[in-house]
Amino acid sequence: MAASTDFAQILIDGMTTESTPAIAPSALQSRALRDTLGQFTTGVTVVTTRDAAGQPAGMTVNSFNSVSLEPALVLWSIDKQSLGYDSFTQQEHFAVHVLKADQQHISNLFAGRGADKFGQVHWHAGPDGVPQLEDCAAFFHCRRVQCIDGGDHTILLGEVLEFTANGGEPLVFHRGRYRALAGD
């Protein structure tokens, strides 16, 4: 299936005549959908929390979005197979850090597995002990209010308890690469 495949056609191809899901989309359909979704430019964030043992946990996320101003709600999603899944879905608080354009190294660090991520960045214990990265474009301290099933991901809905805007050019991601914003 070509990358220009219409999303509606993918849905139609995946349905039986009884309107129930048929088999999972083929790898080609999944790649085409991923490539098409990649046309949407996103900001890059790192979300942090503490695990059950109180150790800092964090991961790079580009699914962050605002939901509501009243009450102040944001959301992001996590793959159910992610190493940090239990930490983020079971802890009450998390923080979202909007990265600046010069923080690509932080994005790459928190996107990887294994390394002592927090040993390689400047951070401190923020509100409720949640790790707070320093010098990001923006920071949101949140209380998890709901986990919503979203297929192979879980959507975390959080109430914004505190926030700070430091400004700066944002780190953005488009078509599988980091990008710079065009000038004014």
Protein backbone atom coordinates (compact mmCIF):
# COMPACT_ATOMS: atom_id res chain seq x y z
CA MET A 1 0.00 0.00 0.00
CA ALA A 2 1.45 3.41 -0.93
CA ALA A 3 2.25 6.03 1.69
CA SER A 4 -0.45 8.25 0.18
CA THR A 5 -3.14 5.74 1.12
CA ASP A 6 -6.27 7.36 2.47
CA PHE A 7 -6.70 6.67 6.20
CA ALA A 8 -10.38 5.90 5.64
CA GLN A 9 -9.40 3.21 3.12
CA ILE A 10 -7.12 1.60 5.71
CA LEU A 11 -10.07 1.50 8.08
CA ILE A 12 -12.36 0.07 5.41
CA ASP A 13 -9.79 -2.57 4.43
CA GLY A 14 -9.56 -3.64 8.09
CA MET A 15 -13.30 -4.18 8.54
CA THR A 16 -15.44 -7.19 7.70
CA THR A 17 -18.95 -6.90 6.29
CA GLU A 18 -20.29 -7.12 9.85
CA SER A 19 -18.29 -3.96 10.76
CA THR A 20 -16.07 -5.85 13.18
CA PRO A 21 -12.29 -5.68 12.97
CA ALA A 22 -10.75 -8.21 10.59
CA ILE A 23 -7.07 -9.05 10.98
CA ALA A 24 -4.45 -6.59 12.18
CA PRO A 25 -3.19 -4.16 9.52
CA SER A 26 -0.30 -5.47 7.49
CA ALA A 27 3.20 -4.20 8.14
CA LEU A 28 2.93 -2.23 4.89
CA GLN A 29 -0.29 -0.55 6.04
CA SER A 30 1.23 0.22 9.43
CA ARG A 31 4.31 1.78 7.81
CA ALA A 32 2.11 3.83 5.46
CA LEU A 33 0.01 5.06 8.38
CA ARG A 34 3.13 5.90 10.40
CA ASP A 35 4.62 7.83 7.46
CA THR A 36 1.37 9.71 6.94
CA LEU A 37 1.07 10.57 10.64
CA GLY A 38 4.68 11.80 10.43
CA GLN A 39 3.46 14.65 8.25
CA PHE A 40 2.11 16.23 11.44
CA THR A 41 4.84 18.27 13.14
CA THR A 42 5.02 17.78 16.89
CA GLY A 43 6.88 19.31 19.77
CA VAL A 44 9.21 17.10 21.80
CA THR A 45 8.81 16.55 25.53
CA VAL A 46 10.31 14.45 28.28
CA VAL A 47 7.85 13.12 30.85
CA THR A 48 9.19 12.19 34.30
CA THR A 49 7.92 10.50 37.45
CA ARG A 50 9.25 8.21 40.20
CA ASP A 51 9.00 4.42 40.01
CA ALA A 52 7.59 2.23 42.81
CA ALA A 53 11.02 2.20 44.51
CA GLY A 54 11.23 6.01 44.40
CA GLN A 55 13.83 6.12 41.62
CA PRO A 56 13.49 8.73 38.85
CA ALA A 57 11.92 7.52 35.60
CA GLY A 58 11.58 9.41 32.34
CA MET A 59 10.92 9.05 28.64
CA THR A 60 10.76 11.14 25.47
CA VAL A 61 7.19 11.77 24.30
CA ASN A 62 5.77 13.62 21.31
CA SER A 63 2.11 12.75 21.96
CA PHE A 64 1.66 15.58 24.50
CA ASN A 65 -1.38 17.81 24.00
CA SER A 66 -3.58 20.28 25.83
CA VAL A 67 -7.13 19.16 26.60
CA SER A 68 -8.84 21.85 28.65
CA LEU A 69 -8.13 25.17 30.34
CA GLU A 70 -10.95 24.86 32.89
CA PRO A 71 -10.09 22.56 34.50
CA ALA A 72 -6.46 22.62 33.36
CA LEU A 73 -5.92 19.22 31.71
CA VAL A 74 -3.24 17.77 29.43
CA LEU A 75 -2.71 14.33 27.93
CA TRP A 76 0.00 12.11 26.52
CA SER A 77 0.19 8.45 25.58
CA ILE A 78 2.53 5.59 26.46
CA ASP A 79 3.09 2.29 24.66
CA LYS A 80 1.85 -0.60 26.79
CA GLN A 81 5.15 -2.41 26.11
CA SER A 82 7.28 0.52 27.37
CA LEU A 83 9.73 -0.21 30.18
CA GLY A 84 8.30 2.70 32.21
CA TYR A 85 4.66 1.74 31.68
CA ASP A 86 3.97 0.65 35.28
CA SER A 87 5.68 3.71 36.75
CA PHE A 88 3.67 6.19 34.71
CA THR A 89 0.32 4.42 34.98
CA GLN A 90 0.58 3.75 38.73
CA GLN A 91 2.20 6.88 40.16
CA GLU A 92 -0.06 9.79 41.04
CA HIS A 93 2.18 12.60 39.73
CA PHE A 94 4.22 13.24 36.60
CA ALA A 95 5.94 16.20 34.95
CA VAL A 96 6.04 17.21 31.29
CA HIS A 97 9.10 19.13 30.07
CA VAL A 98 8.85 20.90 26.70
CA LEU A 99 12.35 20.75 25.21
CA LYS A 100 14.21 23.63 23.58
CA ALA A 101 15.76 23.39 20.10
CA ASP A 102 19.23 22.91 21.61
CA GLN A 103 18.10 19.97 23.78
CA GLN A 104 18.05 17.26 21.11
CA HIS A 105 20.64 15.34 23.16
CA ILE A 106 18.15 15.16 26.06
CA SER A 107 15.43 13.88 23.74
CA ASN A 108 17.78 11.19 22.40
CA LEU A 109 18.92 10.23 25.90
CA PHE A 110 15.39 9.74 27.24
CA ALA A 111 14.28 7.95 24.04
CA GLY A 112 16.91 5.28 24.63
CA ARG A 113 16.96 2.32 26.96
CA GLY A 114 19.29 1.43 29.77
CA ALA A 115 21.65 4.35 30.35
CA ASP A 116 21.62 6.31 33.61
CA LYS A 117 19.55 9.10 32.08
CA PHE A 118 19.31 11.26 35.17
CA GLY A 119 23.06 11.02 35.76
CA GLN A 120 23.60 12.82 32.45
CA VAL A 121 21.27 15.82 32.87
CA HIS A 122 20.74 18.64 35.34
CA TRP A 123 17.62 18.02 37.40
CA HIS A 124 16.22 18.36 40.89
CA ALA A 125 13.30 16.96 42.85
CA GLY A 126 10.33 19.14 41.96
CA PRO A 127 6.84 19.23 43.45
CA ASP A 128 5.79 15.90 45.03
CA GLY A 129 9.36 14.65 44.48
CA VAL A 130 8.88 14.32 40.73
CA PRO A 131 12.16 14.80 38.81
CA GLN A 132 12.26 18.24 37.20
CA LEU A 133 14.70 18.81 34.33
CA GLU A 134 16.38 22.19 34.30
CA ASP A 135 16.29 24.86 31.58
CA CYS A 136 13.43 23.52 29.45
CA ALA A 137 11.10 25.75 27.41
CA ALA A 138 8.16 24.86 29.67
CA PHE A 139 7.34 22.63 32.63
CA PHE A 140 3.98 21.17 33.74
CA HIS A 141 3.58 19.37 37.07
CA CYS A 142 0.50 17.14 36.86
CA ARG A 143 -1.66 14.80 38.90
CA ARG A 144 -2.77 11.76 36.92
CA VAL A 145 -6.57 11.74 36.88
CA GLN A 146 -7.30 8.98 34.40
CA CYS A 147 -5.72 6.25 32.28
CA ILE A 148 -7.66 5.58 29.09
CA ASP A 149 -7.21 2.49 26.93
CA GLY A 150 -6.05 3.48 23.46
CA GLY A 151 -5.24 0.29 21.55
CA ASP A 152 -1.55 -0.52 21.97
CA HIS A 153 -1.12 2.65 24.06
CA THR A 154 -2.62 4.07 27.24
CA ILE A 155 -3.61 7.73 27.27
CA LEU A 156 -2.73 9.50 30.50
CA LEU A 157 -4.94 12.45 31.39
CA GLY A 158 -3.38 14.82 33.90
CA GLU A 159 -4.56 17.83 35.85
CA VAL A 160 -1.99 20.64 35.67
CA LEU A 161 -1.11 21.66 39.23
CA GLU A 162 1.86 23.94 38.46
CA PHE A 163 3.48 25.24 35.30
CA THR A 164 6.34 27.46 34.18
CA ALA A 165 7.15 28.95 30.78
CA ASN A 166 10.84 29.76 30.25
CA GLY A 167 10.56 30.36 26.51
CA GLY A 168 13.06 29.64 23.78
CA GLU A 169 12.80 27.99 20.38
CA PRO A 170 11.10 24.59 20.70
CA LEU A 171 12.52 21.25 19.61
CA VAL A 172 10.23 19.93 16.86
CA PHE A 173 9.90 16.60 15.07
CA HIS A 174 8.59 16.05 11.53
CA ARG A 175 8.81 13.08 9.13
CA GLY A 176 11.11 11.13 11.42
CA ARG A 177 13.64 13.93 12.02
CA TYR A 178 14.28 16.87 14.28
CA ARG A 179 13.58 20.14 12.47
CA ALA A 180 14.18 23.86 12.92
CA LEU A 181 11.33 26.32 12.76
CA ALA A 182 11.30 28.79 9.90
CA GLY A 183 12.07 32.39 10.88
CA ASP A 184 9.40 35.05 11.39
